[in-house]
mmCIF file of all heavy atoms, coordinates in Angstrom:
data_MODEL
# 
_entry.id   MODEL 
# 
loop_
_atom_site.group_PDB 
_atom_site.id 
_atom_site.type_symbol 
_atom_site.label_atom_id 
_atom_site.label_alt_id 
_atom_site.label_comp_id 
_atom_site.label_asym_id 
_atom_site.label_entity_id 
_atom_site.label_seq_id 
_atom_site.pdbx_PDB_ins_code 
_atom_site.Cartn_x 
_atom_site.Cartn_y 
_atom_site.Cartn_z 
_atom_site.occupancy 
_atom_site.B_iso_or_equiv 
_atom_site.pdbx_formal_charge 
_atom_site.auth_seq_id 
_atom_site.auth_comp_id 
_atom_site.auth_asym_id 
_atom_site.auth_atom_id 
_atom_site.pdbx_PDB_model_num 
ATOM 1   N N   . THR A 1 1  ? 83.656 73.533 113.090 1.00 0.00 ? 1  THR A N   1 
ATOM 2   C CA  . THR A 1 1  ? 83.466 72.414 112.167 1.00 0.00 ? 1  THR A CA  1 
ATOM 3   C C   . THR A 1 1  ? 82.523 71.346 112.710 1.00 0.00 ? 1  THR A C   1 
ATOM 4   O O   . THR A 1 1  ? 82.243 70.363 112.022 1.00 0.00 ? 1  THR A O   1 
ATOM 5   C CB  . THR A 1 1  ? 84.819 71.754 111.836 1.00 0.00 ? 1  THR A CB  1 
ATOM 6   O OG1 . THR A 1 1  ? 85.473 71.368 113.053 1.00 0.00 ? 1  THR A OG1 1 
ATOM 7   C CG2 . THR A 1 1  ? 85.711 72.708 111.057 1.00 0.00 ? 1  THR A CG2 1 
ATOM 8   N N   . ASP A 1 2  ? 82.050 71.530 113.917 1.00 0.00 ? 2  ASP A N   1 
ATOM 9   C CA  . ASP A 1 2  ? 81.113 70.590 114.543 1.00 0.00 ? 2  ASP A CA  1 
ATOM 10  C C   . ASP A 1 2  ? 79.961 71.401 115.129 1.00 0.00 ? 2  ASP A C   1 
ATOM 11  O O   . ASP A 1 2  ? 80.109 72.051 116.164 1.00 0.00 ? 2  ASP A O   1 
ATOM 12  C CB  . ASP A 1 2  ? 81.829 69.793 115.641 1.00 0.00 ? 2  ASP A CB  1 
ATOM 13  C CG  . ASP A 1 2  ? 80.901 68.812 116.351 1.00 0.00 ? 2  ASP A CG  1 
ATOM 14  O OD1 . ASP A 1 2  ? 79.701 68.768 116.018 1.00 0.00 ? 2  ASP A OD1 1 
ATOM 15  O OD2 . ASP A 1 2  ? 81.381 68.110 117.254 1.00 0.00 ? 2  ASP A OD2 1 
ATOM 16  N N   . GLN A 1 3  ? 78.818 71.365 114.472 1.00 0.00 ? 3  GLN A N   1 
ATOM 17  C CA  . GLN A 1 3  ? 77.701 72.192 114.905 1.00 0.00 ? 3  GLN A CA  1 
ATOM 18  C C   . GLN A 1 3  ? 77.033 71.679 116.169 1.00 0.00 ? 3  GLN A C   1 
ATOM 19  O O   . GLN A 1 3  ? 76.117 72.330 116.696 1.00 0.00 ? 3  GLN A O   1 
ATOM 20  C CB  . GLN A 1 3  ? 76.691 72.346 113.769 1.00 0.00 ? 3  GLN A CB  1 
ATOM 21  C CG  . GLN A 1 3  ? 77.291 73.030 112.559 1.00 0.00 ? 3  GLN A CG  1 
ATOM 22  C CD  . GLN A 1 3  ? 76.268 73.713 111.678 1.00 0.00 ? 3  GLN A CD  1 
ATOM 23  O OE1 . GLN A 1 3  ? 75.222 74.146 112.127 1.00 0.00 ? 3  GLN A OE1 1 
ATOM 24  N NE2 . GLN A 1 3  ? 76.578 73.814 110.395 1.00 0.00 ? 3  GLN A NE2 1 
ATOM 25  N N   . GLN A 1 4  ? 77.476 70.539 116.683 1.00 0.00 ? 4  GLN A N   1 
ATOM 26  C CA  . GLN A 1 4  ? 76.986 70.067 117.972 1.00 0.00 ? 4  GLN A CA  1 
ATOM 27  C C   . GLN A 1 4  ? 77.651 70.830 119.122 1.00 0.00 ? 4  GLN A C   1 
ATOM 28  O O   . GLN A 1 4  ? 77.149 70.819 120.245 1.00 0.00 ? 4  GLN A O   1 
ATOM 29  C CB  . GLN A 1 4  ? 77.254 68.567 118.127 1.00 0.00 ? 4  GLN A CB  1 
ATOM 30  C CG  . GLN A 1 4  ? 76.588 67.706 117.072 1.00 0.00 ? 4  GLN A CG  1 
ATOM 31  C CD  . GLN A 1 4  ? 75.080 67.907 117.018 1.00 0.00 ? 4  GLN A CD  1 
ATOM 32  O OE1 . GLN A 1 4  ? 74.405 67.836 118.043 1.00 0.00 ? 4  GLN A OE1 1 
ATOM 33  N NE2 . GLN A 1 4  ? 74.560 68.146 115.820 1.00 0.00 ? 4  GLN A NE2 1 
ATOM 34  N N   . GLN A 1 5  ? 78.776 71.484 118.831 1.00 0.00 ? 5  GLN A N   1 
ATOM 35  C CA  . GLN A 1 5  ? 79.455 72.280 119.852 1.00 0.00 ? 5  GLN A CA  1 
ATOM 36  C C   . GLN A 1 5  ? 78.941 73.714 119.808 1.00 0.00 ? 5  GLN A C   1 
ATOM 37  O O   . GLN A 1 5  ? 78.719 74.272 118.727 1.00 0.00 ? 5  GLN A O   1 
ATOM 38  C CB  . GLN A 1 5  ? 80.969 72.289 119.626 1.00 0.00 ? 5  GLN A CB  1 
ATOM 39  C CG  . GLN A 1 5  ? 81.644 70.944 119.795 1.00 0.00 ? 5  GLN A CG  1 
ATOM 40  C CD  . GLN A 1 5  ? 83.156 71.087 119.803 1.00 0.00 ? 5  GLN A CD  1 
ATOM 41  O OE1 . GLN A 1 5  ? 83.697 72.016 120.393 1.00 0.00 ? 5  GLN A OE1 1 
ATOM 42  N NE2 . GLN A 1 5  ? 83.839 70.154 119.171 1.00 0.00 ? 5  GLN A NE2 1 
ATOM 43  N N   . ALA A 1 6  ? 78.756 74.304 120.975 1.00 0.00 ? 6  ALA A N   1 
ATOM 44  C CA  . ALA A 1 6  ? 78.277 75.680 121.053 1.00 0.00 ? 6  ALA A CA  1 
ATOM 45  C C   . ALA A 1 6  ? 79.426 76.662 120.839 1.00 0.00 ? 6  ALA A C   1 
ATOM 46  O O   . ALA A 1 6  ? 80.540 76.451 121.340 1.00 0.00 ? 6  ALA A O   1 
ATOM 47  C CB  . ALA A 1 6  ? 77.631 75.931 122.411 1.00 0.00 ? 6  ALA A CB  1 
ATOM 48  N N   . LEU A 1 7  ? 79.150 77.717 120.098 1.00 0.00 ? 7  LEU A N   1 
ATOM 49  C CA  . LEU A 1 7  ? 80.134 78.775 119.914 1.00 0.00 ? 7  LEU A CA  1 
ATOM 50  C C   . LEU A 1 7  ? 80.282 79.582 121.198 1.00 0.00 ? 7  LEU A C   1 
ATOM 51  O O   . LEU A 1 7  ? 79.298 79.842 121.888 1.00 0.00 ? 7  LEU A O   1 
ATOM 52  C CB  . LEU A 1 7  ? 79.700 79.714 118.793 1.00 0.00 ? 7  LEU A CB  1 
ATOM 53  C CG  . LEU A 1 7  ? 79.714 79.158 117.372 1.00 0.00 ? 7  LEU A CG  1 
ATOM 54  C CD1 . LEU A 1 7  ? 78.978 80.099 116.434 1.00 0.00 ? 7  LEU A CD1 1 
ATOM 55  C CD2 . LEU A 1 7  ? 81.138 78.933 116.886 1.00 0.00 ? 7  LEU A CD2 1 
ATOM 56  N N   . PRO A 1 8  ? 81.499 79.998 121.541 1.00 0.00 ? 8  PRO A N   1 
ATOM 57  C CA  . PRO A 1 8  ? 81.683 80.813 122.749 1.00 0.00 ? 8  PRO A CA  1 
ATOM 58  C C   . PRO A 1 8  ? 81.128 82.225 122.556 1.00 0.00 ? 8  PRO A C   1 
ATOM 59  O O   . PRO A 1 8  ? 81.301 82.834 121.500 1.00 0.00 ? 8  PRO A O   1 
ATOM 60  C CB  . PRO A 1 8  ? 83.202 80.830 122.930 1.00 0.00 ? 8  PRO A CB  1 
ATOM 61  C CG  . PRO A 1 8  ? 83.764 80.579 121.567 1.00 0.00 ? 8  PRO A CG  1 
ATOM 62  C CD  . PRO A 1 8  ? 82.772 79.685 120.876 1.00 0.00 ? 8  PRO A CD  1 
ATOM 63  N N   . THR A 1 9  ? 80.441 82.714 123.568 1.00 0.00 ? 9  THR A N   1 
ATOM 64  C CA  . THR A 1 9  ? 79.857 84.058 123.505 1.00 0.00 ? 9  THR A CA  1 
ATOM 65  C C   . THR A 1 9  ? 80.153 84.870 124.759 1.00 0.00 ? 9  THR A C   1 
ATOM 66  O O   . THR A 1 9  ? 79.617 85.965 124.923 1.00 0.00 ? 9  THR A O   1 
ATOM 67  C CB  . THR A 1 9  ? 78.321 83.978 123.326 1.00 0.00 ? 9  THR A CB  1 
ATOM 68  O OG1 . THR A 1 9  ? 77.765 83.241 124.427 1.00 0.00 ? 9  THR A OG1 1 
ATOM 69  C CG2 . THR A 1 9  ? 77.951 83.313 122.018 1.00 0.00 ? 9  THR A CG2 1 
ATOM 70  N N   . ASN A 1 10 ? 81.013 84.354 125.634 1.00 0.00 ? 10 ASN A N   1 
ATOM 71  C CA  . ASN A 1 10 ? 81.278 85.018 126.912 1.00 0.00 ? 10 ASN A CA  1 
ATOM 72  C C   . ASN A 1 10 ? 82.533 85.870 126.896 1.00 0.00 ? 10 ASN A C   1 
ATOM 73  O O   . ASN A 1 10 ? 82.965 86.362 127.940 1.00 0.00 ? 10 ASN A O   1 
ATOM 74  C CB  . ASN A 1 10 ? 81.388 83.969 128.026 1.00 0.00 ? 10 ASN A CB  1 
ATOM 75  C CG  . ASN A 1 10 ? 80.078 83.252 128.268 1.00 0.00 ? 10 ASN A CG  1 
ATOM 76  O OD1 . ASN A 1 10 ? 79.010 83.859 128.183 1.00 0.00 ? 10 ASN A OD1 1 
ATOM 77  N ND2 . ASN A 1 10 ? 80.154 81.950 128.557 1.00 0.00 ? 10 ASN A ND2 1 
ATOM 78  N N   . GLY A 1 11 ? 83.124 86.041 125.729 1.00 0.00 ? 11 GLY A N   1 
ATOM 79  C CA  . GLY A 1 11 ? 84.331 86.841 125.635 1.00 0.00 ? 11 GLY A CA  1 
ATOM 80  C C   . GLY A 1 11 ? 85.591 86.013 125.779 1.00 0.00 ? 11 GLY A C   1 
ATOM 81  O O   . GLY A 1 11 ? 85.564 84.898 126.302 1.00 0.00 ? 11 GLY A O   1 
ATOM 82  N N   . VAL A 1 12 ? 86.693 86.576 125.308 1.00 0.00 ? 12 VAL A N   1 
ATOM 83  C CA  . VAL A 1 12 ? 87.978 85.885 125.353 1.00 0.00 ? 12 VAL A CA  1 
ATOM 84  C C   . VAL A 1 12 ? 88.474 85.801 126.785 1.00 0.00 ? 12 VAL A C   1 
ATOM 85  O O   . VAL A 1 12 ? 88.430 86.778 127.535 1.00 0.00 ? 12 VAL A O   1 
ATOM 86  C CB  . VAL A 1 12 ? 89.008 86.639 124.473 1.00 0.00 ? 12 VAL A CB  1 
ATOM 87  C CG1 . VAL A 1 12 ? 90.400 86.050 124.669 1.00 0.00 ? 12 VAL A CG1 1 
ATOM 88  C CG2 . VAL A 1 12 ? 88.593 86.581 123.020 1.00 0.00 ? 12 VAL A CG2 1 
ATOM 89  N N   . GLN A 1 13 ? 88.935 84.619 127.176 1.00 0.00 ? 13 GLN A N   1 
ATOM 90  C CA  . GLN A 1 13 ? 89.509 84.416 128.501 1.00 0.00 ? 13 GLN A CA  1 
ATOM 91  C C   . GLN A 1 13 ? 91.022 84.284 128.377 1.00 0.00 ? 13 GLN A C   1 
ATOM 92  O O   . GLN A 1 13 ? 91.508 83.439 127.619 1.00 0.00 ? 13 GLN A O   1 
ATOM 93  C CB  . GLN A 1 13 ? 88.936 83.151 129.141 1.00 0.00 ? 13 GLN A CB  1 
ATOM 94  C CG  . GLN A 1 13 ? 87.424 83.163 129.283 1.00 0.00 ? 13 GLN A CG  1 
ATOM 95  C CD  . GLN A 1 13 ? 86.892 81.851 129.837 1.00 0.00 ? 13 GLN A CD  1 
ATOM 96  O OE1 . GLN A 1 13 ? 87.376 81.367 130.855 1.00 0.00 ? 13 GLN A OE1 1 
ATOM 97  N NE2 . GLN A 1 13 ? 85.917 81.267 129.159 1.00 0.00 ? 13 GLN A NE2 1 
ATOM 98  N N   . GLU A 1 14 ? 91.726 85.105 129.106 1.00 0.00 ? 14 GLU A N   1 
ATOM 99  C CA  . GLU A 1 14 ? 93.191 85.112 129.009 1.00 0.00 ? 14 GLU A CA  1 
ATOM 100 C C   . GLU A 1 14 ? 93.761 83.747 129.354 1.00 0.00 ? 14 GLU A C   1 
ATOM 101 O O   . GLU A 1 14 ? 93.398 83.129 130.365 1.00 0.00 ? 14 GLU A O   1 
ATOM 102 C CB  . GLU A 1 14 ? 93.767 86.171 129.942 1.00 0.00 ? 14 GLU A CB  1 
ATOM 103 C CG  . GLU A 1 14 ? 95.277 86.332 129.804 1.00 0.00 ? 14 GLU A CG  1 
ATOM 104 C CD  . GLU A 1 14 ? 95.812 87.466 130.650 1.00 0.00 ? 14 GLU A CD  1 
ATOM 105 O OE1 . GLU A 1 14 ? 95.008 88.184 131.272 1.00 0.00 ? 14 GLU A OE1 1 
ATOM 106 O OE2 . GLU A 1 14 ? 97.055 87.638 130.669 1.00 0.00 ? 14 GLU A OE2 1 
ATOM 107 N N   . GLY A 1 15 ? 94.633 83.242 128.491 1.00 0.00 ? 15 GLY A N   1 
ATOM 108 C CA  . GLY A 1 15 ? 95.298 81.967 128.730 1.00 0.00 ? 15 GLY A CA  1 
ATOM 109 C C   . GLY A 1 15 ? 94.489 80.752 128.363 1.00 0.00 ? 15 GLY A C   1 
ATOM 110 O O   . GLY A 1 15 ? 94.956 79.623 128.550 1.00 0.00 ? 15 GLY A O   1 
ATOM 111 N N   . VAL A 1 16 ? 93.281 80.947 127.845 1.00 0.00 ? 16 VAL A N   1 
ATOM 112 C CA  . VAL A 1 16 ? 92.415 79.827 127.472 1.00 0.00 ? 16 VAL A CA  1 
ATOM 113 C C   . VAL A 1 16 ? 92.232 79.824 125.955 1.00 0.00 ? 16 VAL A C   1 
ATOM 114 O O   . VAL A 1 16 ? 91.820 80.826 125.369 1.00 0.00 ? 16 VAL A O   1 
ATOM 115 C CB  . VAL A 1 16 ? 91.034 79.937 128.149 1.00 0.00 ? 16 VAL A CB  1 
ATOM 116 C CG1 . VAL A 1 16 ? 90.116 78.810 127.673 1.00 0.00 ? 16 VAL A CG1 1 
ATOM 117 C CG2 . VAL A 1 16 ? 91.184 79.903 129.668 1.00 0.00 ? 16 VAL A CG2 1 
ATOM 118 N N   . ILE A 1 17 ? 92.556 78.703 125.331 1.00 0.00 ? 17 ILE A N   1 
ATOM 119 C CA  . ILE A 1 17 ? 92.352 78.580 123.887 1.00 0.00 ? 17 ILE A CA  1 
ATOM 120 C C   . ILE A 1 17 ? 90.896 78.174 123.662 1.00 0.00 ? 17 ILE A C   1 
ATOM 121 O O   . ILE A 1 17 ? 90.470 77.119 124.122 1.00 0.00 ? 17 ILE A O   1 
ATOM 122 C CB  . ILE A 1 17 ? 93.300 77.542 123.280 1.00 0.00 ? 17 ILE A CB  1 
ATOM 123 C CG1 . ILE A 1 17 ? 94.762 77.986 123.473 1.00 0.00 ? 17 ILE A CG1 1 
ATOM 124 C CG2 . ILE A 1 17 ? 93.011 77.338 121.793 1.00 0.00 ? 17 ILE A CG2 1 
ATOM 125 C CD1 . ILE A 1 17 ? 95.783 76.939 123.076 1.00 0.00 ? 17 ILE A CD1 1 
ATOM 126 N N   . PRO A 1 18 ? 90.105 78.980 122.972 1.00 0.00 ? 18 PRO A N   1 
ATOM 127 C CA  . PRO A 1 18 ? 88.676 78.698 122.827 1.00 0.00 ? 18 PRO A CA  1 
ATOM 128 C C   . PRO A 1 18 ? 88.411 77.525 121.888 1.00 0.00 ? 18 PRO A C   1 
ATOM 129 O O   . PRO A 1 18 ? 89.285 77.107 121.123 1.00 0.00 ? 18 PRO A O   1 
ATOM 130 C CB  . PRO A 1 18 ? 88.126 80.005 122.233 1.00 0.00 ? 18 PRO A CB  1 
ATOM 131 C CG  . PRO A 1 18 ? 89.285 80.605 121.519 1.00 0.00 ? 18 PRO A CG  1 
ATOM 132 C CD  . PRO A 1 18 ? 90.501 80.243 122.315 1.00 0.00 ? 18 PRO A CD  1 
ATOM 133 N N   . ASN A 1 19 ? 87.189 76.995 121.959 1.00 0.00 ? 19 ASN A N   1 
ATOM 134 C CA  . ASN A 1 19 ? 86.875 75.829 121.135 1.00 0.00 ? 19 ASN A CA  1 
ATOM 135 C C   . ASN A 1 19 ? 86.684 76.184 119.662 1.00 0.00 ? 19 ASN A C   1 
ATOM 136 O O   . ASN A 1 19 ? 86.407 75.307 118.850 1.00 0.00 ? 19 ASN A O   1 
ATOM 137 C CB  . ASN A 1 19 ? 85.651 75.078 121.673 1.00 0.00 ? 19 ASN A CB  1 
ATOM 138 C CG  . ASN A 1 19 ? 84.340 75.829 121.505 1.00 0.00 ? 19 ASN A CG  1 
ATOM 139 O OD1 . ASN A 1 19 ? 84.273 76.903 120.908 1.00 0.00 ? 19 ASN A OD1 1 
ATOM 140 N ND2 . ASN A 1 19 ? 83.269 75.263 122.054 1.00 0.00 ? 19 ASN A ND2 1 
ATOM 141 N N   . THR A 1 20 ? 86.861 77.462 119.313 1.00 0.00 ? 20 THR A N   1 
ATOM 142 C CA  . THR A 1 20 ? 86.869 77.839 117.897 1.00 0.00 ? 20 THR A CA  1 
ATOM 143 C C   . THR A 1 20 ? 88.203 77.509 117.223 1.00 0.00 ? 20 THR A C   1 
ATOM 144 O O   . THR A 1 20 ? 88.307 77.604 115.998 1.00 0.00 ? 20 THR A O   1 
ATOM 145 C CB  . THR A 1 20 ? 86.581 79.342 117.732 1.00 0.00 ? 20 THR A CB  1 
ATOM 146 O OG1 . THR A 1 20 ? 87.452 80.086 118.594 1.00 0.00 ? 20 THR A OG1 1 
ATOM 147 C CG2 . THR A 1 20 ? 85.135 79.655 118.088 1.00 0.00 ? 20 THR A CG2 1 
ATOM 148 N N   . TYR A 1 21 ? 89.202 77.133 118.014 1.00 0.00 ? 21 TYR A N   1 
ATOM 149 C CA  . TYR A 1 21 ? 90.458 76.653 117.438 1.00 0.00 ? 21 TYR A CA  1 
ATOM 150 C C   . TYR A 1 21 ? 90.175 75.373 116.644 1.00 0.00 ? 21 TYR A C   1 
ATOM 151 O O   . TYR A 1 21 ? 89.552 74.440 117.146 1.00 0.00 ? 21 TYR A O   1 
ATOM 152 C CB  . TYR A 1 21 ? 91.475 76.383 118.552 1.00 0.00 ? 21 TYR A CB  1 
ATOM 153 C CG  . TYR A 1 21 ? 92.605 75.477 118.130 1.00 0.00 ? 21 TYR A CG  1 
ATOM 154 C CD1 . TYR A 1 21 ? 93.557 75.906 117.206 1.00 0.00 ? 21 TYR A CD1 1 
ATOM 155 C CD2 . TYR A 1 21 ? 92.709 74.177 118.637 1.00 0.00 ? 21 TYR A CD2 1 
ATOM 156 C CE1 . TYR A 1 21 ? 94.588 75.062 116.803 1.00 0.00 ? 21 TYR A CE1 1 
ATOM 157 C CE2 . TYR A 1 21 ? 93.728 73.337 118.249 1.00 0.00 ? 21 TYR A CE2 1 
ATOM 158 C CZ  . TYR A 1 21 ? 94.672 73.784 117.326 1.00 0.00 ? 21 TYR A CZ  1 
ATOM 159 O OH  . TYR A 1 21 ? 95.677 72.950 116.920 1.00 0.00 ? 21 TYR A OH  1 
ATOM 160 N N   . VAL A 1 22 ? 90.637 75.344 115.392 1.00 0.00 ? 22 VAL A N   1 
ATOM 161 C CA  . VAL A 1 22 ? 90.441 74.185 114.518 1.00 0.00 ? 22 VAL A CA  1 
ATOM 162 C C   . VAL A 1 22 ? 91.753 73.410 114.444 1.00 0.00 ? 22 VAL A C   1 
ATOM 163 O O   . VAL A 1 22 ? 92.761 73.941 113.952 1.00 0.00 ? 22 VAL A O   1 
ATOM 164 C CB  . VAL A 1 22 ? 90.008 74.613 113.098 1.00 0.00 ? 22 VAL A CB  1 
ATOM 165 C CG1 . VAL A 1 22 ? 89.811 73.389 112.208 1.00 0.00 ? 22 VAL A CG1 1 
ATOM 166 C CG2 . VAL A 1 22 ? 88.730 75.438 113.161 1.00 0.00 ? 22 VAL A CG2 1 
ATOM 167 N N   . PRO A 1 23 ? 91.793 72.169 114.925 1.00 0.00 ? 23 PRO A N   1 
ATOM 168 C CA  . PRO A 1 23 ? 93.044 71.407 114.950 1.00 0.00 ? 23 PRO A CA  1 
ATOM 169 C C   . PRO A 1 23 ? 93.715 71.326 113.579 1.00 0.00 ? 23 PRO A C   1 
ATOM 170 O O   . PRO A 1 23 ? 93.115 70.880 112.609 1.00 0.00 ? 23 PRO A O   1 
ATOM 171 C CB  . PRO A 1 23 ? 92.599 70.018 115.428 1.00 0.00 ? 23 PRO A CB  1 
ATOM 172 C CG  . PRO A 1 23 ? 91.381 70.272 116.244 1.00 0.00 ? 23 PRO A CG  1 
ATOM 173 C CD  . PRO A 1 23 ? 90.680 71.402 115.547 1.00 0.00 ? 23 PRO A CD  1 
ATOM 174 N N   . GLY A 1 24 ? 94.955 71.808 113.535 1.00 0.00 ? 24 GLY A N   1 
ATOM 175 C CA  . GLY A 1 24 ? 95.762 71.681 112.324 1.00 0.00 ? 24 GLY A CA  1 
ATOM 176 C C   . GLY A 1 24 ? 95.409 72.612 111.190 1.00 0.00 ? 24 GLY A C   1 
ATOM 177 O O   . GLY A 1 24 ? 96.025 72.534 110.124 1.00 0.00 ? 24 GLY A O   1 
ATOM 178 N N   . ARG A 1 25 ? 94.447 73.509 111.382 1.00 0.00 ? 25 ARG A N   1 
ATOM 179 C CA  . ARG A 1 25 ? 93.960 74.304 110.253 1.00 0.00 ? 25 ARG A CA  1 
ATOM 180 C C   . ARG A 1 25 ? 95.060 75.113 109.581 1.00 0.00 ? 25 ARG A C   1 
ATOM 181 O O   . ARG A 1 25 ? 95.256 75.019 108.365 1.00 0.00 ? 25 ARG A O   1 
ATOM 182 C CB  . ARG A 1 25 ? 92.838 75.239 110.714 1.00 0.00 ? 25 ARG A CB  1 
ATOM 183 C CG  . ARG A 1 25 ? 92.294 76.143 109.602 1.00 0.00 ? 25 ARG A CG  1 
ATOM 184 C CD  . ARG A 1 25 ? 91.118 76.980 110.082 1.00 0.00 ? 25 ARG A CD  1 
ATOM 185 N NE  . ARG A 1 25 ? 91.483 77.855 111.193 1.00 0.00 ? 25 ARG A NE  1 
ATOM 186 C CZ  . ARG A 1 25 ? 90.636 78.703 111.780 1.00 0.00 ? 25 ARG A CZ  1 
ATOM 187 N NH1 . ARG A 1 25 ? 89.363 78.756 111.366 1.00 0.00 ? 25 ARG A NH1 1 
ATOM 188 N NH2 . ARG A 1 25 ? 91.032 79.463 112.777 1.00 0.00 ? 25 ARG A NH2 1 
# 
């Protein structure tokens, strides 16, 4: 929802919630 933030492209990291999580969605 914020195009100033870069999308993750390095693969899923175990135990880490990626910044693609949308608060409250």
